[in-house]
Amino acid sequence: MYLKTNNRLKDIEREYNERGNRAAETINELQNTISHLRDEIKRIKESGDKKLKDTTTKQEEDRRNMKKNYTTNLESMRKDNESQHNRNRTLERRIEQMEADHEEKITQLKLAFEEKMRGLMPSSVRQELEDTIDSLKSQVNSLQQKSLVLQEDLDLRNQYPQFSASSPIKAL
């Protein structure tokens, strides 16, 4: 029985040794796996950090380029605007000068025409024509006033037909 117990103990010891060896192998494999996974995580994190840094750097560079382009375009537009403004002022001055020149020419032509007319028409005839014009203007004003009075009378007759028999204007 002692031998049997001893064999049994040796079998249990061997079994525990085998389990221990398997457990040690499993632990070793798991530690290798953990180490490998930690290395993989570290590599992935470094790769992500590098991508983030690269992306951030690219965004900053793009932002600087956009800002530079904006500034350049804005300055170019300001210069163009100022150039157009100066051109407009120059054109306005030229137009004003041309208008003044035309006015001067018109005045000179009027004076030349009046001078020619004076030379062609004697002053007595000219005075007679101006008097006739004044007389005609006076007659036109008188006729306009008379037509207004007659129109008012006509309007009154149309408005009040019962009073049309005795009109003070018939005497005119």
N, C-alpha and C. Protein backbone atom coordinates (compact mmCIF):
# COMPACT_ATOMS: atom_id res chain seq x y z
N MET A 1 0.82 -1.13 0.00
CA MET A 1 0.00 0.00 0.00
C MET A 1 0.91 1.25 0.00
N TYR A 2 1.95 1.12 0.69
CA TYR A 2 2.87 2.21 0.71
C TYR A 2 3.37 2.46 -0.70
N LEU A 3 3.68 1.44 -1.39
CA LEU A 3 4.14 1.58 -2.75
C LEU A 3 3.03 2.13 -3.65
N LYS A 4 1.93 1.70 -3.39
CA LYS A 4 0.79 2.16 -4.17
C LYS A 4 0.55 3.64 -3.90
N THR A 5 0.62 4.04 -2.68
CA THR A 5 0.42 5.44 -2.31
C THR A 5 1.56 6.27 -2.87
N ASN A 6 2.74 5.70 -2.80
CA ASN A 6 3.89 6.43 -3.31
C ASN A 6 3.75 6.63 -4.81
N ASN A 7 3.32 5.61 -5.51
CA ASN A 7 3.11 5.74 -6.97
C ASN A 7 1.99 6.74 -7.26
N ARG A 8 1.06 6.65 -6.43
CA ARG A 8 -0.06 7.58 -6.62
C ARG A 8 0.41 9.00 -6.41
N LEU A 9 1.22 9.22 -5.40
CA LEU A 9 1.77 10.57 -5.14
C LEU A 9 2.67 11.00 -6.29
N LYS A 10 3.45 10.12 -6.82
CA LYS A 10 4.32 10.47 -7.95
C LYS A 10 3.47 10.83 -9.18
N ASP A 11 2.38 10.07 -9.36
CA ASP A 11 1.49 10.39 -10.48
C ASP A 11 0.86 11.78 -10.29
N ILE A 12 0.44 12.05 -9.07
CA ILE A 12 -0.17 13.37 -8.79
C ILE A 12 0.88 14.47 -8.97
N GLU A 13 2.14 14.17 -8.50
CA GLU A 13 3.21 15.16 -8.63
C GLU A 13 3.51 15.42 -10.11
N ARG A 14 3.59 14.35 -10.89
CA ARG A 14 3.84 14.51 -12.32
C ARG A 14 2.70 15.25 -12.99
N GLU A 15 1.52 14.92 -12.58
CA GLU A 15 0.34 15.60 -13.15
C GLU A 15 0.38 17.09 -12.81
N TYR A 16 0.76 17.40 -11.56
CA TYR A 16 0.86 18.82 -11.16
C TYR A 16 2.01 19.51 -11.89
N ASN A 17 3.09 18.77 -12.07
CA ASN A 17 4.21 19.35 -12.82
C ASN A 17 3.81 19.64 -14.26
N GLU A 18 3.09 18.69 -14.85
CA GLU A 18 2.62 18.90 -16.23
C GLU A 18 1.66 20.09 -16.28
N ARG A 19 0.75 20.15 -15.32
CA ARG A 19 -0.18 21.29 -15.27
C ARG A 19 0.59 22.58 -15.06
N GLY A 20 1.60 22.52 -14.15
CA GLY A 20 2.41 23.71 -13.90
C GLY A 20 3.17 24.13 -15.14
N ASN A 21 3.73 23.10 -15.86
CA ASN A 21 4.43 23.41 -17.10
C ASN A 21 3.48 24.01 -18.14
N ARG A 22 2.32 23.41 -18.25
CA ARG A 22 1.32 23.94 -19.20
C ARG A 22 0.88 25.33 -18.77
N ALA A 23 0.67 25.52 -17.46
CA ALA A 23 0.28 26.83 -16.95
C ALA A 23 1.39 27.84 -17.22
N ALA A 24 2.66 27.38 -17.01
CA ALA A 24 3.79 28.27 -17.26
C ALA A 24 3.86 28.62 -18.74
N GLU A 25 3.63 27.60 -19.60
CA GLU A 25 3.63 27.86 -21.04
C GLU A 25 2.49 28.82 -21.40
N THR A 26 1.32 28.59 -20.82
CA THR A 26 0.17 29.46 -21.08
C THR A 26 0.47 30.87 -20.60
N ILE A 27 1.05 30.96 -19.40
CA ILE A 27 1.40 32.29 -18.86
C ILE A 27 2.42 32.96 -19.76
N ASN A 28 3.41 32.18 -20.18
CA ASN A 28 4.45 32.72 -21.05
C ASN A 28 3.84 33.19 -22.37
N GLU A 29 2.95 32.36 -22.96
CA GLU A 29 2.28 32.74 -24.20
C GLU A 29 1.43 33.99 -23.99
N LEU A 30 0.70 34.03 -22.86
CA LEU A 30 -0.15 35.20 -22.58
C LEU A 30 0.71 36.45 -22.38
N GLN A 31 1.87 36.29 -21.69
CA GLN A 31 2.74 37.44 -21.50
C GLN A 31 3.31 37.90 -22.84
N ASN A 32 3.65 36.93 -23.70
CA ASN A 32 4.12 37.29 -25.05
C ASN A 32 3.02 38.02 -25.83
N THR A 33 1.80 37.48 -25.72
CA THR A 33 0.66 38.12 -26.39
C THR A 33 0.45 39.52 -25.85
N ILE A 34 0.50 39.67 -24.51
CA ILE A 34 0.33 41.00 -23.88
C ILE A 34 1.43 41.94 -24.36
N SER A 35 2.66 41.44 -24.39
CA SER A 35 3.78 42.26 -24.84
C SER A 35 3.58 42.67 -26.30
N HIS A 36 3.19 41.68 -27.10
CA HIS A 36 2.93 41.97 -28.51
C HIS A 36 1.80 42.99 -28.67
N LEU A 37 0.71 42.82 -27.90
CA LEU A 37 -0.42 43.75 -27.98
C LEU A 37 -0.02 45.14 -27.50
N ARG A 38 0.82 45.19 -26.43
CA ARG A 38 1.29 46.50 -25.96
C ARG A 38 2.14 47.19 -27.03
N ASP A 39 2.99 46.40 -27.68
CA ASP A 39 3.80 46.96 -28.77
C ASP A 39 2.91 47.45 -29.91
N GLU A 40 1.89 46.65 -30.23
CA GLU A 40 0.95 47.03 -31.29
C GLU A 40 0.20 48.30 -30.91
N ILE A 41 -0.26 48.37 -29.66
CA ILE A 41 -0.97 49.58 -29.19
C ILE A 41 -0.05 50.79 -29.27
N LYS A 42 1.20 50.59 -28.83
CA LYS A 42 2.17 51.69 -28.87
C LYS A 42 2.41 52.13 -30.31
N ARG A 43 2.57 51.17 -31.21
CA ARG A 43 2.78 51.48 -32.63
C ARG A 43 1.56 52.21 -33.21
N ILE A 44 0.36 51.72 -32.91
CA ILE A 44 -0.87 52.36 -33.40
C ILE A 44 -0.99 53.77 -32.83
N LYS A 45 -0.69 53.94 -31.54
CA LYS A 45 -0.77 55.27 -30.91
C LYS A 45 0.23 56.23 -31.55
N GLU A 46 1.47 55.74 -31.76
CA GLU A 46 2.48 56.57 -32.40
C GLU A 46 2.07 56.95 -33.82
N SER A 47 1.51 55.96 -34.53
CA SER A 47 1.03 56.22 -35.89
C SER A 47 -0.09 57.25 -35.87
N GLY A 48 -1.03 57.11 -34.93
CA GLY A 48 -2.14 58.06 -34.80
C GLY A 48 -1.63 59.45 -34.43
N ASP A 49 -0.66 59.48 -33.48
CA ASP A 49 -0.08 60.77 -33.10
C ASP A 49 0.61 61.43 -34.28
N LYS A 50 1.34 60.61 -35.06
CA LYS A 50 2.03 61.15 -36.24
C LYS A 50 1.02 61.67 -37.25
N LYS A 51 -0.06 60.90 -37.49
CA LYS A 51 -1.09 61.35 -38.43
C LYS A 51 -1.75 62.63 -37.94
N LEU A 52 -2.03 62.69 -36.63
CA LEU A 52 -2.62 63.90 -36.05
C LEU A 52 -1.69 65.09 -36.22
N LYS A 53 -0.40 64.87 -35.94
CA LYS A 53 0.58 65.95 -36.09
C LYS A 53 0.68 66.39 -37.54
N ASP A 54 0.74 65.41 -38.47
CA ASP A 54 0.81 65.73 -39.89
C ASP A 54 -0.43 66.50 -40.35
N THR A 55 -1.60 66.03 -39.90
CA THR A 55 -2.86 66.70 -40.27
C THR A 55 -2.91 68.11 -39.70
N THR A 56 -2.51 68.26 -38.44
CA THR A 56 -2.49 69.58 -37.82
C THR A 56 -1.53 70.51 -38.55
N THR A 57 -0.34 69.98 -38.87
CA THR A 57 0.65 70.78 -39.60
C THR A 57 0.10 71.19 -40.96
N LYS A 58 -0.54 70.24 -41.66
CA LYS A 58 -1.11 70.55 -42.98
C LYS A 58 -2.22 71.59 -42.86
N GLN A 59 -3.07 71.46 -41.84
CA GLN A 59 -4.14 72.44 -41.64
C GLN A 59 -3.56 73.82 -41.36
N GLU A 60 -2.54 73.88 -40.53
CA GLU A 60 -1.90 75.16 -40.22
C GLU A 60 -1.29 75.77 -41.48
N GLU A 61 -0.64 74.93 -42.27
CA GLU A 61 -0.03 75.41 -43.52
C GLU A 61 -1.12 75.90 -44.47
N ASP A 62 -2.21 75.12 -44.59
CA ASP A 62 -3.33 75.54 -45.44
C ASP A 62 -3.93 76.85 -44.95
N ARG A 63 -4.08 76.97 -43.62
CA ARG A 63 -4.63 78.20 -43.05
C ARG A 63 -3.73 79.39 -43.34
N ARG A 64 -2.41 79.20 -43.18
CA ARG A 64 -1.47 80.29 -43.48
C ARG A 64 -1.54 80.66 -44.96
N ASN A 65 -1.59 79.63 -45.83
CA ASN A 65 -1.68 79.90 -47.27
C ASN A 65 -2.96 80.64 -47.62
N MET A 66 -4.08 80.20 -47.01
CA MET A 66 -5.36 80.86 -47.27
C MET A 66 -5.32 82.31 -46.78
N LYS A 67 -4.74 82.52 -45.60
CA LYS A 67 -4.64 83.87 -45.05
C LYS A 67 -3.77 84.73 -45.95
N LYS A 68 -2.66 84.17 -46.42
CA LYS A 68 -1.76 84.90 -47.32
C LYS A 68 -2.48 85.24 -48.62
N ASN A 69 -3.19 84.25 -49.20
CA ASN A 69 -3.95 84.49 -50.43
C ASN A 69 -5.03 85.54 -50.21
N TYR A 70 -5.73 85.46 -49.07
CA TYR A 70 -6.76 86.43 -48.75
C TYR A 70 -6.16 87.83 -48.68
N THR A 71 -5.03 87.95 -47.97
CA THR A 71 -4.39 89.24 -47.82
C THR A 71 -3.94 89.77 -49.19
N THR A 72 -3.36 88.90 -49.98
CA THR A 72 -2.90 89.29 -51.32
C THR A 72 -4.08 89.73 -52.18
N ASN A 73 -5.15 88.93 -52.17
CA ASN A 73 -6.34 89.27 -52.96
C ASN A 73 -6.98 90.56 -52.48
N LEU A 74 -7.04 90.73 -51.16
CA LEU A 74 -7.64 91.93 -50.60
C LEU A 74 -6.83 93.16 -51.01
N GLU A 75 -5.53 93.07 -50.92
CA GLU A 75 -4.67 94.20 -51.31
C GLU A 75 -4.82 94.49 -52.80
N SER A 76 -4.88 93.43 -53.59
CA SER A 76 -5.06 93.60 -55.04
C SER A 76 -6.40 94.29 -55.33
N MET A 77 -7.45 93.87 -54.62
CA MET A 77 -8.77 94.48 -54.82
C MET A 77 -8.77 95.94 -54.37
N ARG A 78 -8.07 96.23 -53.28
CA ARG A 78 -7.98 97.62 -52.82
C ARG A 78 -7.28 98.47 -53.86
N LYS A 79 -6.17 97.95 -54.41
CA LYS A 79 -5.44 98.70 -55.43
C LYS A 79 -6.32 98.92 -56.67
N ASP A 80 -7.02 97.86 -57.09
CA ASP A 80 -7.92 97.99 -58.24
C ASP A 80 -9.01 99.02 -57.97
N ASN A 81 -9.58 98.95 -56.76
CA ASN A 81 -10.63 99.90 -56.38
C ASN A 81 -10.09 101.32 -56.40
N GLU A 82 -8.90 101.53 -55.83
CA GLU A 82 -8.31 102.86 -55.81
C GLU A 82 -8.00 103.33 -57.23
N SER A 83 -7.51 102.41 -58.06
CA SER A 83 -7.22 102.75 -59.45
C SER A 83 -8.49 103.17 -60.18
N GLN A 84 -9.58 102.40 -59.98
CA GLN A 84 -10.86 102.74 -60.61
C GLN A 84 -11.37 104.09 -60.09
N HIS A 85 -11.21 104.31 -58.80
CA HIS A 85 -11.66 105.57 -58.20
C HIS A 85 -10.88 106.75 -58.80
N ASN A 86 -9.57 106.59 -58.92
CA ASN A 86 -8.75 107.64 -59.53
C ASN A 86 -9.13 107.86 -60.99
N ARG A 87 -9.38 106.77 -61.69
CA ARG A 87 -9.78 106.86 -63.09
C ARG A 87 -11.12 107.59 -63.22
N ASN A 88 -12.05 107.27 -62.31
CA ASN A 88 -13.35 107.95 -62.33
C ASN A 88 -13.20 109.44 -62.08
N ARG A 89 -12.35 109.79 -61.09
CA ARG A 89 -12.13 111.21 -60.81
C ARG A 89 -11.53 111.92 -62.02
N THR A 90 -10.57 111.26 -62.67
CA THR A 90 -9.95 111.85 -63.86
C THR A 90 -10.98 112.04 -64.97
N LEU A 91 -11.81 111.02 -65.18
CA LEU A 91 -12.85 111.12 -66.21
C LEU A 91 -13.87 112.20 -65.87
N GLU A 92 -14.25 112.32 -64.60
CA GLU A 92 -15.19 113.37 -64.19
C GLU A 92 -14.60 114.75 -64.45
N ARG A 93 -13.30 114.92 -64.13
CA ARG A 93 -12.66 116.21 -64.39
C ARG A 93 -12.64 116.50 -65.88
N ARG A 94 -12.33 115.47 -66.69
CA ARG A 94 -12.31 115.67 -68.14
C ARG A 94 -13.70 116.05 -68.65
N ILE A 95 -14.73 115.38 -68.12
CA ILE A 95 -16.11 115.69 -68.54
C ILE A 95 -16.45 117.13 -68.15
N GLU A 96 -16.10 117.52 -66.92
CA GLU A 96 -16.38 118.88 -66.48
C GLU A 96 -15.66 119.89 -67.36
N GLN A 97 -14.40 119.59 -67.70
CA GLN A 97 -13.64 120.48 -68.57
C GLN A 97 -14.28 120.56 -69.96
N MET A 98 -14.70 119.40 -70.47
CA MET A 98 -15.34 119.38 -71.79
C MET A 98 -16.65 120.16 -71.75
N GLU A 99 -17.43 120.02 -70.66
CA GLU A 99 -18.68 120.78 -70.54
C GLU A 99 -18.39 122.27 -70.51
N ALA A 100 -17.36 122.66 -69.76
CA ALA A 100 -17.00 124.08 -69.70
C ALA A 100 -16.55 124.57 -71.07
N ASP A 101 -15.78 123.75 -71.78
CA ASP A 101 -15.34 124.14 -73.13
C ASP A 101 -16.53 124.29 -74.07
N HIS A 102 -17.49 123.35 -73.96
CA HIS A 102 -18.68 123.43 -74.82
C HIS A 102 -19.52 124.66 -74.48
N GLU A 103 -19.66 124.94 -73.20
CA GLU A 103 -20.40 126.13 -72.80
C GLU A 103 -19.73 127.38 -73.36
N GLU A 104 -18.43 127.42 -73.29
CA GLU A 104 -17.67 128.56 -73.82
C GLU A 104 -17.89 128.67 -75.32
N LYS A 105 -17.84 127.55 -76.03
CA LYS A 105 -18.07 127.57 -77.48
C LYS A 105 -19.48 128.04 -77.81
N ILE A 106 -20.45 127.56 -77.04
CA ILE A 106 -21.85 127.97 -77.28
C ILE A 106 -21.99 129.47 -77.07
N THR A 107 -21.38 129.97 -76.00
CA THR A 107 -21.45 131.41 -75.73
C THR A 107 -20.79 132.19 -76.85
N GLN A 108 -19.65 131.72 -77.32
CA GLN A 108 -18.96 132.41 -78.41
C GLN A 108 -19.80 132.38 -79.68
N LEU A 109 -20.44 131.24 -79.95
CA LEU A 109 -21.30 131.15 -81.14
C LEU A 109 -22.50 132.08 -81.03
N LYS A 110 -23.09 132.15 -79.83
CA LYS A 110 -24.23 133.06 -79.63
C LYS A 110 -23.81 134.50 -79.87
N LEU A 111 -22.66 134.85 -79.31
CA LEU A 111 -22.17 136.22 -79.49
C LEU A 111 -21.88 136.49 -80.96
N ALA A 112 -21.26 135.55 -81.64
CA ALA A 112 -20.97 135.72 -83.06
C ALA A 112 -22.26 135.84 -83.86
N PHE A 113 -23.26 135.03 -83.52
CA PHE A 113 -24.54 135.09 -84.22
C PHE A 113 -25.23 136.43 -83.99
N GLU A 114 -25.24 136.89 -82.74
CA GLU A 114 -25.85 138.18 -82.44
C GLU A 114 -25.13 139.31 -83.16
N GLU A 115 -23.80 139.19 -83.24
CA GLU A 115 -23.01 140.20 -83.94
C GLU A 115 -23.36 140.21 -85.42
N LYS A 116 -23.52 139.03 -86.01
CA LYS A 116 -23.90 138.95 -87.42
C LYS A 116 -25.29 139.53 -87.64
N MET A 117 -26.20 139.20 -86.70
CA MET A 117 -27.58 139.68 -86.83
C MET A 117 -27.63 141.20 -86.71
N ARG A 118 -26.84 141.75 -85.83
CA ARG A 118 -26.81 143.21 -85.70
C ARG A 118 -26.31 143.85 -86.98
N GLY A 119 -25.35 143.18 -87.59
CA GLY A 119 -24.80 143.70 -88.84
C GLY A 119 -25.79 143.60 -89.98
N LEU A 120 -26.67 142.62 -89.96
CA LEU A 120 -27.62 142.42 -91.05
C LEU A 120 -28.88 143.25 -90.90
N MET A 121 -29.28 143.54 -89.71
CA MET A 121 -30.55 144.22 -89.48
C MET A 121 -30.26 145.59 -88.85
N PRO A 122 -30.86 146.65 -89.44
CA PRO A 122 -30.66 147.97 -88.84
C PRO A 122 -31.33 148.02 -87.46
N SER A 123 -30.81 148.86 -86.60
CA SER A 123 -31.32 148.93 -85.23
C SER A 123 -32.75 149.41 -85.18
N SER A 124 -33.17 150.25 -86.10
CA SER A 124 -34.56 150.72 -86.09
C SER A 124 -35.51 149.56 -86.39
N VAL A 125 -35.14 148.70 -87.34
CA VAL A 125 -35.98 147.55 -87.68
C VAL A 125 -36.00 146.58 -86.50
N ARG A 126 -34.83 146.38 -85.90
CA ARG A 126 -34.76 145.49 -84.75
C ARG A 126 -35.63 146.01 -83.61
N GLN A 127 -35.59 147.33 -83.35
CA GLN A 127 -36.40 147.93 -82.29
C GLN A 127 -37.88 147.78 -82.60
N GLU A 128 -38.22 147.97 -83.87
CA GLU A 128 -39.62 147.83 -84.29
C GLU A 128 -40.10 146.39 -84.08
N LEU A 129 -39.23 145.41 -84.41
CA LEU A 129 -39.59 144.00 -84.22
C LEU A 129 -39.74 143.67 -82.73
N GLU A 130 -38.85 144.19 -81.89
CA GLU A 130 -38.95 143.94 -80.46
C GLU A 130 -40.22 144.55 -79.89
N ASP A 131 -40.60 145.77 -80.37
CA ASP A 131 -41.85 146.39 -79.93
C ASP A 131 -43.05 145.56 -80.36
N THR A 132 -43.00 145.05 -81.58
CA THR A 132 -44.09 144.20 -82.08
C THR A 132 -44.21 142.95 -81.21
N ILE A 133 -43.06 142.35 -80.88
CA ILE A 133 -43.07 141.15 -80.03
C ILE A 133 -43.68 141.47 -78.67
N ASP A 134 -43.31 142.60 -78.06
CA ASP A 134 -43.87 142.99 -76.77
C ASP A 134 -45.37 143.21 -76.87
N SER A 135 -45.81 143.84 -77.94
CA SER A 135 -47.24 144.10 -78.15
C SER A 135 -48.00 142.78 -78.29
N LEU A 136 -47.43 141.85 -79.06
CA LEU A 136 -48.09 140.55 -79.25
C LEU A 136 -48.17 139.78 -77.93
N LYS A 137 -47.14 139.87 -77.12
CA LYS A 137 -47.16 139.21 -75.81
C LYS A 137 -48.27 139.79 -74.95
N SER A 138 -48.43 141.09 -74.98
CA SER A 138 -49.48 141.77 -74.21
C SER A 138 -50.85 141.31 -74.68
N GLN A 139 -51.03 141.24 -76.00
CA GLN A 139 -52.32 140.80 -76.55
C GLN A 139 -52.62 139.35 -76.16
N VAL A 140 -51.59 138.52 -76.18
CA VAL A 140 -51.78 137.11 -75.80
C VAL A 140 -52.22 137.03 -74.35
N ASN A 141 -51.61 137.80 -73.46
CA ASN A 141 -51.99 137.79 -72.05
C ASN A 141 -53.44 138.25 -71.88
N SER A 142 -53.82 139.30 -72.60
CA SER A 142 -55.19 139.82 -72.52
C SER A 142 -56.19 138.76 -72.99
N LEU A 143 -55.86 138.11 -74.09
CA LEU A 143 -56.77 137.07 -74.62
C LEU A 143 -56.86 135.88 -73.68
N GLN A 144 -55.77 135.53 -73.03
CA GLN A 144 -55.80 134.43 -72.08
C GLN A 144 -56.70 134.76 -70.90
N GLN A 145 -56.64 135.98 -70.40
CA GLN A 145 -57.49 136.38 -69.29
C GLN A 145 -58.96 136.37 -69.70
N LYS A 146 -59.24 136.87 -70.91
CA LYS A 146 -60.60 136.90 -71.41
C LYS A 146 -61.14 135.48 -71.56
N SER A 147 -60.29 134.57 -72.06
CA SER A 147 -60.75 133.19 -72.24
C SER A 147 -61.01 132.53 -70.89
N LEU A 148 -60.26 132.88 -69.86
CA LEU A 148 -60.51 132.34 -68.53
C LEU A 148 -61.86 132.79 -68.00
N VAL A 149 -62.16 134.11 -68.20
CA VAL A 149 -63.45 134.64 -67.73
C VAL A 149 -64.59 133.95 -68.47
N LEU A 150 -64.44 133.80 -69.78
CA LEU A 150 -65.49 133.15 -70.58
C LEU A 150 -65.65 131.67 -70.18
N GLN A 151 -64.56 131.02 -69.88
CA GLN A 151 -64.63 129.63 -69.47
C GLN A 151 -65.34 129.50 -68.13
N GLU A 152 -65.06 130.42 -67.20
CA GLU A 152 -65.75 130.40 -65.91
C GLU A 152 -67.25 130.62 -66.09
N ASP A 153 -67.61 131.56 -66.98
CA ASP A 153 -69.02 131.80 -67.25
C ASP A 153 -69.68 130.56 -67.85
N LEU A 154 -68.99 129.94 -68.78
CA LEU A 154 -69.52 128.73 -69.40
C LEU A 154 -69.69 127.62 -68.36
N ASP A 155 -68.71 127.48 -67.47
CA ASP A 155 -68.80 126.47 -66.42
C ASP A 155 -69.98 126.76 -65.49
N LEU A 156 -70.19 128.05 -65.17
CA LEU A 156 -71.32 128.42 -64.32
C LEU A 156 -72.66 128.12 -65.01
N ARG A 157 -72.73 128.42 -66.30
CA ARG A 157 -73.97 128.15 -67.05
C ARG A 157 -74.25 126.65 -67.08
N ASN A 158 -73.20 125.88 -67.27
CA ASN A 158 -73.40 124.43 -67.30
C ASN A 158 -73.77 123.90 -65.92
N GLN A 159 -73.27 124.53 -64.90
CA GLN A 159 -73.54 124.09 -63.54
C GLN A 159 -74.94 124.55 -63.09
N TYR A 160 -75.32 125.78 -63.44
CA TYR A 160 -76.62 126.35 -63.06
C TYR A 160 -77.35 126.82 -64.31
N PRO A 161 -78.01 125.97 -65.06
CA PRO A 161 -78.65 126.34 -66.32
C PRO A 161 -79.85 127.30 -66.13
N GLN A 162 -80.46 127.39 -64.98
CA GLN A 162 -81.61 128.26 -64.77
C GLN A 162 -81.21 129.74 -64.79
N PHE A 163 -79.93 130.06 -64.55
CA PHE A 163 -79.48 131.46 -64.53
C PHE A 163 -78.84 131.88 -65.84
N SER A 164 -78.92 131.11 -66.86
CA SER A 164 -78.23 131.40 -68.11
C SER A 164 -78.88 132.54 -68.88
N ALA A 165 -80.12 132.92 -68.60
CA ALA A 165 -80.82 133.96 -69.37
C ALA A 165 -80.24 135.34 -69.06
N SER A 166 -79.82 135.58 -67.83
CA SER A 166 -79.33 136.92 -67.50
C SER A 166 -77.85 136.84 -67.16
N SER A 167 -77.04 136.95 -68.16
CA SER A 167 -75.60 136.90 -67.95
C SER A 167 -74.98 138.26 -68.17
N PRO A 168 -74.14 138.71 -67.25
CA PRO A 168 -73.50 140.00 -67.41
C PRO A 168 -72.46 140.00 -68.51
N ILE A 169 -72.03 138.83 -68.98
CA ILE A 169 -70.96 138.76 -69.96
C ILE A 169 -71.50 139.00 -71.36
N LYS A 170 -72.81 138.90 -71.59
CA LYS A 170 -73.39 139.11 -72.91
C LYS A 170 -73.12 140.53 -73.39
N ALA A 171 -72.98 141.39 -72.46
CA ALA A 171 -72.75 142.77 -72.83
C ALA A 171 -71.34 142.97 -73.41
N LEU A 172 -70.47 142.09 -73.15
CA LEU A 172 -69.12 142.21 -73.68
C LEU A 172 -69.14 141.93 -75.12
